[in-house]
Protein backbone atom coordinates (compact mmCIF):
# COMPACT_ATOMS: atom_id res chain seq x y z
CA MET A 1 0.03 -0.27 0.26
CA GLY A 2 2.86 2.45 0.90
CA THR A 3 4.83 1.62 -2.13
CA ARG A 4 1.52 2.30 -4.53
CA ILE A 5 0.93 5.73 -2.46
CA GLN A 6 4.95 6.69 -3.03
CA ARG A 7 4.57 5.83 -6.56
CA ASN A 8 1.54 7.92 -7.07
CA VAL A 9 3.21 10.90 -5.42
CA ASN A 10 6.23 10.45 -7.65
CA THR A 11 3.93 10.35 -10.73
CA SER A 12 2.03 13.16 -9.58
CA VAL A 13 5.22 15.35 -9.04
CA ALA A 14 6.29 14.42 -12.67
CA LEU A 15 3.29 15.22 -13.88
CA PHE A 16 3.20 18.80 -12.25
CA LEU A 17 6.49 19.65 -13.08
CA ARG A 18 6.18 18.59 -16.95
CA ARG A 19 3.05 20.77 -17.08
CA LEU A 20 4.63 23.48 -15.34
CA ILE A 21 7.66 23.60 -17.63
CA LEU A 22 5.23 23.57 -20.61
CA ALA A 23 3.14 26.33 -19.39
CA TRP A 24 6.23 28.30 -18.96
CA PHE A 25 7.73 27.82 -22.35
CA LEU A 26 4.44 28.47 -23.87
CA ALA A 27 4.56 31.55 -21.91
CA VAL A 28 7.96 32.47 -22.85
CA ALA A 29 7.37 31.51 -26.40
CA ALA A 30 4.06 34.06 -26.57
CA GLU A 31 6.27 37.01 -25.03
CA TYR A 32 9.27 36.56 -26.91
CA LEU A 33 7.31 36.20 -30.41
CA ARG A 34 5.40 39.30 -29.81
CA LEU A 35 8.23 41.15 -29.92
CA PRO A 36 9.33 43.15 -32.82
CA ALA A 37 12.19 41.82 -34.88
CA GLN A 38 14.80 44.05 -33.39
CA GLY A 39 13.69 42.89 -29.99
CA ARG A 40 14.40 39.64 -30.77
CA ASP A 41 18.11 40.07 -30.84
CA LEU A 42 19.52 38.70 -27.70
CA ALA A 43 22.81 40.54 -27.91
CA GLY A 44 21.62 43.39 -26.12
CA LEU A 45 19.19 44.20 -23.43
CA GLN A 46 16.40 45.88 -25.78
CA GLY A 47 14.29 42.83 -26.05
CA LEU A 48 14.15 42.44 -22.10
CA ARG A 49 13.07 45.94 -21.60
CA LEU A 50 10.34 45.07 -23.64
CA MET A 51 8.96 42.25 -21.89
CA SER A 52 7.22 41.99 -18.75
CA LEU A 53 7.98 39.44 -16.11
CA GLY A 54 4.40 39.87 -14.88
CA ARG A 55 2.90 38.98 -17.93
CA VAL A 56 5.03 35.85 -18.30
CA LEU A 57 4.13 34.73 -14.95
CA GLY A 58 0.41 35.40 -15.37
CA LEU A 59 0.61 33.62 -18.99
CA THR A 60 2.57 30.45 -17.35
CA ALA A 61 -0.60 30.24 -14.82
CA GLY A 62 -2.99 30.67 -17.55
CA PHE A 63 -1.21 27.94 -19.66
CA TRP A 64 -1.12 25.68 -16.65
CA LEU A 65 -4.81 25.88 -15.94
CA LEU A 66 -5.73 25.36 -19.65
CA LEU A 67 -3.38 22.21 -20.02
CA THR A 68 -4.79 20.56 -16.54
CA LEU A 69 -8.50 21.12 -18.37
CA LEU A 70 -7.37 19.70 -21.42
CA SER A 71 -5.90 16.78 -19.84
CA ARG A 72 -9.14 15.48 -19.02
CA PHE A 73 -9.95 15.06 -22.69
CA VAL A 74 -6.49 14.24 -23.74
CA ARG A 75 -4.77 12.00 -21.38
CA ARG A 76 -1.54 10.74 -23.13
CA LYS A 77 1.77 11.75 -21.61
CA LEU A 78 3.13 11.55 -25.09
CA ALA A 79 1.16 14.53 -26.29
CA GLU A 80 2.40 17.06 -23.63
CA ARG A 81 6.05 15.86 -24.20
CA LEU A 82 5.92 16.35 -28.09
CA LEU A 83 4.21 19.80 -27.25
CA LEU A 84 7.03 20.54 -25.27
CA ALA A 85 9.57 19.71 -27.52
CA GLY A 86 7.74 21.50 -30.31
CA VAL A 87 7.66 24.45 -28.55
CA ILE A 88 11.32 24.44 -27.85
CA VAL A 89 11.98 23.80 -31.39
CA VAL A 90 10.19 26.81 -32.51
CA VAL A 91 11.51 29.08 -29.48
CA VAL A 92 15.19 28.07 -30.41
CA ALA A 93 14.76 28.52 -34.14
CA VAL A 94 13.35 32.08 -34.08
CA SER A 95 15.89 32.98 -31.59
CA VAL A 96 18.85 31.63 -33.45
CA VAL A 97 17.68 33.47 -36.88
CA SER A 98 17.17 36.64 -34.77
CA SER A 99 20.82 36.31 -32.90
CA PHE A 100 22.73 34.12 -35.26
CA HIS A 101 26.41 33.19 -34.54
CA TRP A 102 27.75 29.47 -35.10
CA ALA A 103 27.99 28.76 -31.57
CA TYR A 104 24.48 29.20 -30.66
CA LEU A 105 23.34 27.61 -33.66
CA MET A 106 25.18 24.61 -32.36
CA LEU A 107 23.85 24.93 -28.67
CA GLY A 108 20.54 25.25 -30.42
CA LEU A 109 20.89 22.03 -32.26
CA LEU A 110 21.83 20.22 -28.94
CA LEU A 111 18.60 21.48 -27.45
CA VAL A 112 16.36 20.52 -30.24
CA ALA A 113 18.01 17.28 -29.97
CA ALA A 114 17.43 16.63 -26.22
CA ALA A 115 14.03 17.99 -26.65
CA VAL A 116 13.30 15.50 -29.40
CA VAL A 117 14.52 12.57 -27.24
CA TYR A 118 12.40 13.82 -24.27
CA GLY A 119 9.26 14.03 -26.67
CA LEU A 120 9.89 10.53 -27.85
CA TRP A 121 10.87 8.78 -24.88
CA GLY A 122 10.40 10.63 -21.89
CA TRP A 123 12.89 11.07 -18.74
CA ASN A 124 14.53 8.09 -17.06
CA SER A 125 11.68 7.57 -14.27
CA ARG A 126 13.27 4.03 -12.99
CA PRO A 127 14.17 4.05 -9.21
CA ILE A 128 17.71 4.95 -8.75
CA PRO A 129 19.24 1.52 -7.74
CA GLU A 130 20.60 0.69 -4.55
CA MET A 131 24.30 1.69 -3.93
CA THR A 132 26.38 -1.10 -2.99
CA PRO A 133 30.10 0.25 -1.92
CA GLU A 134 32.86 -1.60 -3.19
CA ARG A 135 35.77 -2.62 -1.05
CA GLY A 136 38.96 -1.42 -2.55
CA LYS A 137 42.46 -3.14 -2.83
CA THR A 138 45.13 -1.34 -1.22
CA ARG A 139 47.19 -0.93 -4.22
CA TRP A 140 44.97 1.32 -5.81
CA ALA A 141 44.62 3.40 -2.62
CA LEU A 142 48.29 4.07 -2.73
CA VAL A 143 48.44 4.87 -5.92
CA THR A 144 45.98 7.62 -5.28
CA GLN A 145 47.74 8.83 -2.32
CA GLY A 146 50.81 8.90 -4.42
CA LEU A 147 49.05 11.35 -7.05
CA THR A 148 47.59 13.26 -4.36
CA VAL A 149 51.25 13.90 -3.05
CA CYS A 150 52.45 14.71 -6.53
CA PHE A 151 49.40 17.20 -6.98
CA PHE A 152 50.33 18.99 -3.75
CA LEU A 153 53.86 19.54 -4.41
CA LEU A 154 53.05 20.78 -7.79
CA VAL A 155 50.76 23.28 -7.03
CA SER A 156 52.75 24.21 -3.72
CA ILE A 157 55.89 24.92 -6.09
CA TRP A 158 53.88 26.80 -8.58
CA THR A 159 52.29 29.08 -6.08
CA VAL A 160 55.16 29.49 -3.86
CA CYS A 161 57.29 30.56 -6.85
CA ARG A 162 54.81 33.41 -7.77
CA VAL A 163 55.70 34.80 -4.51
CA ARG A 164 59.38 34.22 -4.60
CA SER A 165 59.43 35.84 -8.07
CA PHE A 166 57.45 38.81 -7.13
CA SER A 167 54.60 37.57 -9.33
CA ALA A 168 51.63 37.67 -6.88
CA PRO A 169 50.07 41.36 -6.93
CA THR A 170 48.19 43.54 -4.48
CA TYR A 171 44.93 42.22 -5.83
CA ASP A 172 44.25 39.66 -4.44
CA PHE A 173 47.36 38.00 -2.80
CA GLY A 174 48.58 41.13 -1.23
CA ILE A 175 45.10 41.85 0.43
CA PHE A 176 45.14 38.16 2.00
CA SER A 177 48.51 38.02 3.28
CA GLN A 178 48.06 41.44 5.48
CA MET A 179 44.46 40.26 6.25
CA PHE A 180 46.43 37.02 7.73
CA TYR A 181 48.81 39.32 9.51
CA HIS A 182 45.89 41.17 11.12
CA MET A 183 43.99 37.90 11.89
CA LYS A 184 47.23 36.62 13.76
CA THR A 185 47.78 39.82 15.74
CA THR A 186 44.52 41.18 16.28
CA GLY A 187 41.97 38.14 15.48
CA LEU A 188 40.29 40.32 13.04
CA PRO A 189 40.11 40.25 9.10
CA LEU A 190 41.34 43.86 8.89
CA THR A 191 43.52 45.08 5.75
CA THR A 192 44.43 48.71 4.81
CA VAL A 193 45.53 47.87 1.23
CA GLU A 194 42.14 46.54 -0.04
CA ARG A 195 39.97 49.74 -0.41
CA ASP A 196 43.00 52.27 0.57
CA GLY A 197 42.00 52.50 4.23
CA LEU A 198 41.54 50.00 7.73
CA MET A 199 38.71 47.98 6.99
CA SER A 200 37.29 44.48 7.36
CA HIS A 201 37.81 42.60 4.33
CA PHE A 202 34.30 40.76 5.36
CA ALA A 203 32.77 43.99 4.21
CA VAL A 204 33.74 43.11 0.75
CA HIS A 205 33.56 39.29 1.08
CA VAL A 206 31.99 37.48 3.73
CA SER A 207 34.49 34.55 4.12
CA PRO A 208 34.86 33.04 7.75
CA VAL A 209 36.05 30.04 6.52
CA TYR A 210 39.64 31.48 6.41
CA TYR A 211 39.91 31.21 10.42
CA LEU A 212 40.17 27.32 9.64
CA LEU A 213 43.64 28.10 8.19
CA LEU A 214 44.78 30.54 10.92
CA PRO A 215 46.20 28.14 13.46
CA LEU A 216 48.35 26.56 10.68
CA TYR A 217 49.27 29.98 9.26
CA ALA A 218 50.25 31.13 12.97
CA LEU A 219 52.98 28.32 12.90
CA LEU A 220 55.02 29.85 10.03
CA PRO A 221 53.28 33.44 9.37
CA ILE A 222 54.72 34.11 5.94
CA PRO A 223 53.27 34.66 2.56
CA GLU A 224 54.14 31.30 1.18
CA THR A 225 52.61 29.64 3.97
CA LEU A 226 49.15 30.53 2.47
CA GLN A 227 50.05 29.21 -0.84
CA VAL A 228 50.86 25.54 0.53
CA LEU A 229 47.62 25.56 2.62
CA GLN A 230 45.80 26.23 -0.43
CA ALA A 231 47.49 23.37 -2.06
CA ALA A 232 46.53 21.17 0.86
CA VAL A 233 42.76 22.26 0.94
CA MET A 234 42.74 21.53 -2.97
CA ALA A 235 44.37 18.07 -2.55
CA SER A 236 42.03 17.15 0.19
CA ALA A 237 39.14 17.00 -2.30
CA VAL A 238 40.31 13.53 -3.32
CA VAL A 239 39.09 12.06 0.28
CA PRO A 240 35.27 12.76 -0.24
CA LEU A 241 35.68 12.10 -4.08
CA TRP A 242 37.17 8.45 -3.32
CA LYS A 243 34.77 8.03 -0.74
CA LEU A 244 31.88 8.95 -3.19
CA GLY A 245 32.99 6.57 -5.96
CA LYS A 246 33.09 3.50 -3.19
CA LEU A 247 29.69 4.92 -2.18
CA HIS A 248 28.45 4.64 -5.61
CA GLY A 249 29.95 1.05 -6.42
CA LEU A 250 32.86 2.08 -8.52
CA LYS A 251 35.57 -0.20 -8.58
CA ASP A 252 38.93 0.23 -6.93
CA GLY A 253 40.83 0.94 -10.25
CA GLN A 254 37.76 3.22 -11.11
CA ARG A 255 37.88 5.12 -8.13
CA MET A 256 41.55 5.89 -8.74
CA LEU A 257 40.74 7.13 -12.53
CA LEU A 258 37.98 9.17 -11.06
CA CYS A 259 40.41 10.94 -8.57
CA ALA A 260 43.12 11.26 -11.27
CA LEU A 261 40.65 13.14 -13.40
CA LEU A 262 40.00 15.68 -10.70
CA LEU A 263 43.58 16.05 -10.21
CA LEU A 264 44.50 16.52 -13.70
CA TYR A 265 41.44 18.48 -14.80
CA PRO A 266 42.47 21.64 -15.93
CA ALA A 267 39.70 23.93 -14.29
CA PHE A 268 40.71 22.47 -10.89
CA SER A 269 44.41 22.54 -10.91
CA GLY A 270 44.23 25.81 -12.63
CA GLY A 271 42.18 27.51 -10.05
CA ALA A 272 45.29 28.19 -8.25
CA GLY A 273 46.75 29.89 -10.88
CA TYR A 274 46.02 33.44 -9.09
CA ASP A 275 46.93 32.28 -5.73
CA ILE A 276 45.01 31.83 -2.75
CA HIS A 277 41.10 32.40 -2.41
CA GLU A 278 38.55 31.09 -0.20
CA ASN A 279 36.96 29.63 -3.10
CA CYS A 280 39.39 26.85 -2.89
CA PHE A 281 37.42 25.39 -0.29
CA LEU A 282 34.49 24.98 -2.18
CA THR A 283 35.49 21.68 -4.29
CA PRO A 284 36.35 19.52 -1.06
CA LEU A 285 33.30 20.80 0.88
CA LEU A 286 30.77 20.63 -1.93
CA LEU A 287 31.94 17.01 -2.79
CA TRP A 288 31.58 16.10 1.11
CA LEU A 289 28.20 17.65 0.82
CA PHE A 290 27.42 15.23 -1.93
CA TYR A 291 28.76 12.34 -0.21
CA GLY A 292 26.69 13.03 2.86
CA MET A 293 23.64 13.69 0.80
CA ASP A 294 24.04 10.22 -1.04
CA LYS A 295 25.03 8.47 2.28
CA GLY A 296 21.92 9.62 4.19
CA ASN A 297 24.15 11.19 6.93
CA GLY A 298 22.70 14.15 8.25
CA TRP A 299 25.85 14.96 10.23
CA ILE A 300 28.12 15.04 7.49
CA THR A 301 25.61 16.86 5.18
CA GLY A 302 24.94 19.60 7.86
CA ILE A 303 28.59 20.19 8.48
CA SER A 304 29.55 20.40 5.19
CA ALA A 305 26.94 22.46 3.97
CA GLY A 306 27.55 25.12 6.77
CA LEU A 307 31.23 25.41 6.17
CA THR A 308 30.35 25.79 2.36
CA LEU A 309 28.32 28.95 3.25
CA LEU A 310 31.08 30.14 5.33
CA VAL A 311 33.15 30.22 2.39
CA LYS A 312 31.48 33.31 0.58
CA GLU A 313 28.29 35.15 0.46
CA ASP A 314 27.70 33.40 -3.33
CA ALA A 315 28.58 29.95 -1.73
CA ALA A 316 24.62 29.88 -0.93
CA VAL A 317 23.99 29.44 -4.34
CA TYR A 318 25.59 26.06 -4.43
CA VAL A 319 24.02 24.55 -1.17
CA ALA A 320 20.42 25.58 -2.67
CA VAL A 321 21.11 23.71 -5.58
CA ALA A 322 22.22 20.76 -4.11
CA GLY A 323 19.17 21.07 -1.99
CA LEU A 324 16.84 21.43 -4.86
CA TYR A 325 18.53 18.57 -6.58
CA LEU A 326 17.95 16.30 -3.64
CA LEU A 327 14.57 17.79 -3.11
CA LEU A 328 13.68 16.44 -6.87
CA ARG A 329 15.53 13.37 -6.63
CA THR A 330 13.77 12.49 -3.50
CA LEU A 331 10.19 13.22 -5.04
CA LEU A 332 10.97 11.76 -8.49
CA HIS A 333 12.56 8.48 -7.43
CA ARG A 334 11.06 7.24 -4.29
CA GLY A 335 13.54 8.69 -1.95
CA LYS A 336 13.59 8.56 1.92
CA ARG A 337 11.56 10.97 3.83
CA ARG A 338 14.52 12.10 5.76
CA ASP A 339 16.18 13.09 2.47
CA LEU A 340 13.03 15.31 1.71
CA TRP A 341 13.36 17.27 5.04
CA THR A 342 17.40 17.34 4.41
CA ALA A 343 16.58 18.87 1.05
CA VAL A 344 14.13 21.64 2.59
CA ALA A 345 16.63 22.36 5.44
CA LEU A 346 19.52 22.91 2.81
CA LEU A 347 17.32 25.11 0.70
CA MET A 348 16.03 27.12 3.57
CA GLY A 349 19.49 27.36 5.25
CA ALA A 350 21.00 28.72 1.82
CA VAL A 351 18.27 31.48 1.20
CA LEU A 352 18.23 32.82 4.74
CA TRP A 353 21.86 32.89 4.84
CA PHE A 354 22.09 34.41 1.13
CA ALA A 355 19.86 37.09 2.49
CA LEU A 356 21.41 37.72 5.96
CA VAL A 357 25.10 38.21 4.25
CA THR A 358 23.95 40.19 1.10
CA GLY A 359 21.94 42.40 3.73
CA TYR A 360 24.95 43.02 5.73
CA LEU A 361 27.09 43.79 2.55
CA SER A 362 24.38 46.35 1.31
CA SER A 363 23.92 48.23 4.62
CA ARG A 364 27.61 47.82 6.07
CA GLY A 365 29.98 46.41 3.54
CA ASP A 366 30.86 47.41 -0.11
CA GLY A 367 27.56 46.01 -1.49
CA VAL A 368 26.90 42.62 -3.82
CA MET A 369 29.37 42.80 -7.08
CA THR A 370 26.06 42.59 -9.13
CA TYR A 371 28.09 44.61 -11.98
CA ARG A 372 29.37 41.29 -13.03
CA TYR A 373 25.58 40.55 -14.52
CA ASP A 374 25.07 43.82 -16.22
CA ASN A 375 24.46 41.87 -19.27
CA PHE A 376 21.09 40.75 -17.75
CA ILE A 377 20.34 43.87 -15.54
CA TYR A 378 18.04 45.62 -18.02
CA ASP A 379 16.59 48.20 -15.54
CA ASN A 380 19.65 49.55 -14.24
CA SER A 381 18.71 48.25 -10.60
CA GLY A 382 21.97 46.32 -9.90
CA SER A 383 19.56 43.68 -8.43
CA LEU A 384 20.17 40.03 -8.65
CA LEU A 385 16.40 39.83 -8.41
CA THR A 386 16.45 41.47 -12.09
CA VAL A 387 18.82 38.60 -13.40
CA ILE A 388 16.70 36.08 -12.09
CA GLY A 389 13.64 37.80 -13.72
CA ALA A 390 15.32 37.85 -17.06
CA VAL A 391 16.17 34.44 -16.94
CA VAL A 392 12.38 33.59 -16.46
CA MET A 393 11.45 35.84 -19.35
CA CYS A 394 13.90 34.65 -21.69
CA PRO A 395 15.92 31.79 -20.96
CA MET A 396 17.18 32.21 -24.63
CA LYS A 397 19.04 34.89 -23.56
CA MET A 398 20.93 33.21 -20.76
CA LEU A 399 21.99 30.11 -23.40
CA TYR A 400 22.99 33.10 -26.00
CA GLU A 401 25.38 34.64 -23.26
CA ALA A 402 26.38 31.27 -22.05
CA VAL A 403 27.90 30.55 -25.63
CA ASP A 404 29.56 34.16 -26.36
CA PRO A 405 32.74 33.53 -28.70
CA GLU A 406 34.92 34.62 -25.58
CA LYS A 407 33.58 31.68 -23.58
CA LEU A 408 33.91 28.84 -26.25
CA SER A 409 37.58 28.07 -25.09
CA PHE A 410 36.52 27.72 -21.43
CA ILE A 411 33.71 25.55 -22.19
CA GLY A 412 35.99 23.51 -24.48
CA LEU A 413 38.44 23.17 -21.39
CA THR A 414 35.81 22.22 -18.92
CA MET A 415 33.75 19.75 -21.09
CA LEU A 416 36.06 18.18 -23.26
CA PRO A 417 37.93 16.48 -20.51
CA LEU A 418 34.99 15.27 -19.01
CA LEU A 419 33.96 13.85 -22.53
CA GLY A 420 30.72 15.97 -22.10
CA LEU A 421 29.69 13.09 -19.80
CA PRO A 422 28.00 15.83 -17.01
CA LEU A 423 25.27 16.08 -20.10
CA LEU A 424 24.74 12.69 -20.76
CA THR A 425 21.98 11.30 -18.73
CA ARG A 426 18.08 10.89 -19.33
CA ARG A 427 17.69 11.77 -15.59
CA TYR A 428 16.62 15.03 -16.67
CA GLU A 429 16.58 16.32 -13.04
CA ARG A 430 20.28 16.16 -12.93
CA TYR A 431 20.50 19.18 -15.31
CA LEU A 432 19.84 21.11 -12.15
CA LEU A 433 23.23 20.34 -11.16
CA LEU A 434 24.81 22.53 -14.13
CA ILE A 435 23.15 25.62 -12.59
CA PRO A 436 26.41 26.69 -10.68
CA TYR A 437 28.56 26.20 -13.93
CA ILE A 438 26.03 28.35 -16.10
CA LEU A 439 25.44 30.83 -13.58
CA VAL A 440 28.73 31.38 -12.33
CA ASN A 441 31.09 31.09 -15.16
CA LEU A 442 29.02 31.36 -18.19
CA MET A 443 26.40 34.15 -17.68
CA PRO A 444 28.74 36.68 -16.48
CA ASP A 445 30.45 39.15 -18.80
CA TYR A 446 33.27 39.26 -16.20
CA ARG A 447 36.02 37.82 -18.05
CA TYR A 448 37.87 36.39 -15.15
CA GLN A 449 34.69 33.82 -14.40
CA HIS A 450 35.38 32.03 -17.43
CA ASP A 451 39.06 31.79 -17.34
CA ILE A 452 40.31 28.17 -15.98
CA PHE A 453 43.40 30.08 -14.14
CA PHE A 454 41.14 31.84 -11.76
CA GLN A 455 39.02 30.93 -8.47
CA TYR A 456 35.87 30.86 -9.97
CA THR A 457 36.02 27.41 -11.27
CA PHE A 458 36.16 25.68 -7.57
CA GLY A 459 32.51 25.34 -7.00
CA SER A 460 31.55 24.13 -10.79
CA VAL A 461 34.20 21.68 -10.79
CA ALA A 462 32.60 19.76 -7.66
CA PHE A 463 29.36 19.75 -9.36
CA LEU A 464 30.71 18.71 -12.81
CA LEU A 465 32.83 15.80 -11.31
CA TYR A 466 29.76 14.66 -9.56
CA LEU A 467 27.69 14.75 -12.46
CA THR A 468 30.22 12.97 -14.30
CA MET A 469 30.49 10.12 -11.56
CA VAL A 470 27.13 9.80 -11.54
CA ASN A 471 26.27 9.37 -15.20
CA LEU A 472 29.07 7.03 -15.64
CA ARG A 473 27.63 4.66 -12.76
CA ASP A 474 24.33 4.82 -14.93
CA ILE A 475 26.47 2.71 -17.70
CA ARG A 476 25.81 -0.70 -17.29
CA CYS A 477 28.62 -2.23 -19.10
CA GLY A 478 31.84 -2.16 -17.19
CA ARG A 479 34.28 -2.27 -19.85
CA VAL A 480 32.45 1.04 -21.72
CA ARG A 481 32.66 2.77 -18.20
CA LEU A 482 36.42 2.02 -18.06
CA VAL A 483 37.10 2.94 -21.43
CA ALA A 484 35.34 6.45 -20.87
CA MET A 485 36.97 7.16 -17.72
CA LEU A 486 40.40 6.01 -19.39
CA LEU A 487 39.82 8.30 -22.20
CA ALA A 488 38.80 11.60 -19.98
CA VAL A 489 41.67 11.00 -17.92
CA ALA A 490 43.75 10.85 -21.21
CA VAL A 491 42.34 14.15 -22.56
CA SER A 492 42.40 15.80 -19.28
CA ALA A 493 46.17 14.72 -18.85
CA GLY A 494 46.84 16.22 -22.19
CA ALA A 495 44.91 19.36 -21.74
CA PHE A 496 47.08 19.87 -18.11
CA GLY A 497 50.04 18.74 -19.47
CA THR A 498 49.61 21.83 -22.33
CA MET A 499 47.77 24.27 -20.32
CA VAL A 500 48.88 23.98 -16.79
CA MET A 501 52.30 22.55 -16.80
CA PRO A 502 53.96 25.55 -18.67
CA LYS A 503 52.82 27.99 -15.90
CA VAL A 504 54.21 25.80 -13.30
CA GLN A 505 57.33 25.47 -15.31
CA ARG A 506 57.65 29.33 -15.94
CA TYR A 507 57.19 30.39 -12.47
CA ALA A 508 60.03 27.58 -11.38
CA ALA A 509 62.24 28.73 -14.06
CA LEU A 510 62.06 32.22 -13.02
CA CYS A 511 62.98 31.40 -9.27
CA GLN A 512 66.03 29.42 -10.69
CA ASP A 513 67.50 31.60 -13.37
CA TYR A 514 66.82 34.75 -11.36
CA GLY A 515 66.82 33.62 -7.52
CA ALA A 516 70.01 36.04 -6.74
CA HIS A 517 68.32 38.92 -8.05
CA TYR A 518 65.01 38.38 -6.13
CA ASP A 519 67.04 37.49 -2.92
CA ARG A 520 68.50 40.87 -3.22
CA LEU A 521 65.23 42.64 -4.10
CA ARG A 522 63.85 40.98 -1.06
CA ASP A 523 66.67 41.59 1.24
CA THR A 524 66.57 45.50 0.01
CA LEU A 525 62.74 45.55 0.67
CA ASN A 526 63.43 44.01 4.04
CA LEU A 527 65.74 47.15 5.23
CA ILE A 528 62.29 48.72 5.93
CA PRO A 529 61.32 48.32 9.71
CA GLU A 530 58.32 45.93 10.34
CA ASP A 531 56.57 48.51 12.26
CA ALA A 532 56.74 51.31 9.73
CA PRO A 533 53.76 52.25 7.68
CA VAL A 534 54.48 51.44 4.12
CA SER A 535 53.02 52.33 0.32
CA ALA A 536 54.70 50.18 -2.56
CA THR A 537 53.59 49.22 -5.84
CA THR A 538 51.51 46.33 -6.82
CA PHE A 539 54.18 43.46 -6.67
CA TYR A 540 56.06 44.69 -3.72
CA THR A 541 53.08 44.67 -1.36
CA THR A 542 53.14 40.97 -0.60
CA CYS A 543 56.64 41.02 0.53
CA LEU A 544 55.70 43.84 2.82
CA SER A 545 52.37 42.98 3.90
CA GLN A 546 53.45 41.86 7.36
CA ARG A 547 52.67 45.07 9.20
CA GLU A 548 49.73 47.10 10.04
CA VAL A 549 49.68 50.04 7.66
CA LEU A 550 50.19 49.25 3.83
CA TYR A 551 48.78 51.02 0.83
CA ASP A 552 49.11 50.39 -3.12
CA VAL A 553 50.46 53.56 -4.53
CA ARG A 554 48.24 52.99 -7.55
CA TYR A 555 45.10 53.14 -5.64
CA ALA A 556 46.11 55.29 -2.63
CA THR A 557 45.27 58.68 -2.21
CA TRP A 558 47.81 61.51 -2.08
CA GLU A 559 47.12 62.30 1.28
CA HIS A 560 47.51 58.45 2.44
CA LEU A 561 50.93 58.05 0.68
CA LEU A 562 51.84 60.87 2.61
CA THR A 563 50.99 59.23 5.91
CA THR A 564 53.46 56.58 5.22
CA ASP A 565 57.17 56.73 6.21
CA TYR A 566 58.54 54.73 3.29
CA ILE A 567 57.35 54.40 -0.05
CA ALA A 568 58.59 51.59 -2.13
CA LEU A 569 58.40 52.02 -6.23
CA ALA A 570 59.15 49.53 -8.88
CA VAL A 571 60.83 51.79 -11.28
CA LYS A 572 59.60 50.44 -14.61
CA GLU A 573 55.73 49.81 -13.08
CA GLU A 574 54.13 52.27 -15.30
CA ASN A 575 50.51 51.29 -14.72
CA SER A 576 51.13 52.86 -11.09
CA TYR A 577 52.02 56.40 -11.91
CA LYS A 578 49.52 57.21 -14.34
CA ALA A 579 47.50 59.49 -11.93
CA TYR A 580 50.83 61.34 -11.24
CA GLY A 581 52.23 61.65 -14.97
CA GLY A 582 54.57 59.14 -14.78
CA TYR A 583 57.49 57.60 -12.29
CA ASP A 584 59.85 60.85 -12.52
CA ASN A 585 56.87 63.17 -11.60
CA LEU A 586 56.04 61.05 -8.46
CA VAL A 587 59.92 61.25 -7.49
CA GLU A 588 59.63 65.09 -7.66
CA ARG A 589 56.60 65.39 -5.89
CA LEU A 590 57.71 62.98 -3.18
CA GLU A 591 61.03 64.84 -2.77
CA GLN A 592 58.96 68.14 -2.77
CA ALA A 593 56.96 66.92 0.37
CA GLY A 594 60.14 65.80 2.00
CA TYR A 595 61.00 62.38 0.97
CA THR A 596 64.86 61.34 0.48
CA LEU A 597 66.16 58.21 -1.36
CA PHE A 598 66.59 55.52 1.36
CA ALA A 599 67.41 52.49 -1.00
CA GLN A 600 67.47 51.21 -4.23
CA MET A 601 68.31 48.61 -6.57
CA GLU A 602 69.63 50.33 -9.99
CA GLY A 603 67.03 50.31 -12.76
CA THR A 604 64.41 47.93 -10.47
CA LEU A 605 63.51 49.59 -7.12
CA THR A 606 63.94 52.80 -5.30
CA ILE A 607 62.59 53.48 -1.54
CA TYR A 608 61.89 56.73 -0.41
CA TYR A 609 61.71 57.88 3.55
CA ARG A 610 60.62 60.82 5.33
CA PRO A 611 60.81 60.96 9.10
CA PRO A 612 57.35 60.67 10.90
CA SER A 613 55.84 63.97 11.93
CA PRO A 614 56.09 64.71 15.66
């Protein structure tokens, strides 16, 4: 009796979702097709300005009621599926013609293919089979451990060499290095270099997770320690991924390949390319979250979700998407009631935390960085709600922006090493797990968010690797699964060798070839007393960051510059002196203000000094 009731619930949920999505697409089609020809062009914001969110929502409700009434006369599921596929084909065709470029055409063809497959065969509604953990063999665990140690050493060497070669700039490593100095001495995440004045870094990004690193940093409080700690955090992602593979029944050698895929995946290793960021915690924490969800362990789920929320204000998106996925998976595939409550808790907790931290940033901080979504904010409101409204009104705009030509290399470097496996499933609820990848990396116009060598990939990597794993698990033929994994590792290794290794070798070579020069430069900068206020150009701030007062010459006001006793200038760093008309003009103004030459390295560094006022 209970099984029958549960089956009826699953069927009702699937029916409701199909009908709701169909009603929404009918509303979107009606709103989009009523636009004048120029308004259908997705390249700008004109079409969004001509649309009405209220009208789309009203039409969605109206179409849903109409479909519900018609279902009394036409009861076949196939009819609704084919209608949905037909609407998608029409909308995609019109939008491609109105906003043609080749990448959008290819994406449109993929969507049409997926819609036709769904229309003819529907989604995979079979219950997810019970997971039977595999007992691994020691040798494969040892191989995985060896790969993890190699990865840790490689990332450590790469990022430490960036510091030692004066390649880590103020934004962002100099900020974090000074912040950790203040955390060690005062317990507070203070900086002066970030916004040209003493402030809490948490007024820019709310990242309490940094305190997990503070005890280890305090043992050796130098900038290089932070880079090594990031490498350790990244390497730790292997642990939950190994356990996930075991939980999902992957054999021991396949789990080793899965972990190798993560370590060689260029969008994961490349995320360390711009020094330590709080985002490095996202990959291991989110994999622990998936492990807790799949194992049904409330403690692991709760702790990993809570720590994820402490990474950054936008980390709530990842927790909310994971919760929404768990909710749908539970409703559609006869999951346990406990999972239902867990999903609701994840969703509510993420939404509440996001509201709290964004409210704090708006009222007491620097605000939420919504400018990165200016290509969606059609009403100049600067609100994330406008972005959501734009996607609801015109999902084609989201897809068009996602395949902007400048993002194609990023898509290739993130999807090809995984053989496109995150996309290959008929369990359509899993596509929810692509939301972070689309929302964080592909929708914004902010170019660093679709660059594998910046920190914005860490959260998406966890979702893409999880999707890859569960889709691989659905391959019934073990030999086909093994071949797919070997091929994915091979492609990832090729991308790693051609994209990541040259950067590692470049910074290692700099330290080896010019080590004596960098040591002399460091010794000269260390002549500045540790307790003295300092201004410096961008690539010297990291070396000078272990102090209370530090300013970046390029971004500091003239008044703040004059409050520092020492000013360290890179002679050839022309961008830092544009506001002063060049290096020579700045030096002349400093001398007029009473500064004298304190130390120098010919053609490289000059340090000016003025005794503090009585």
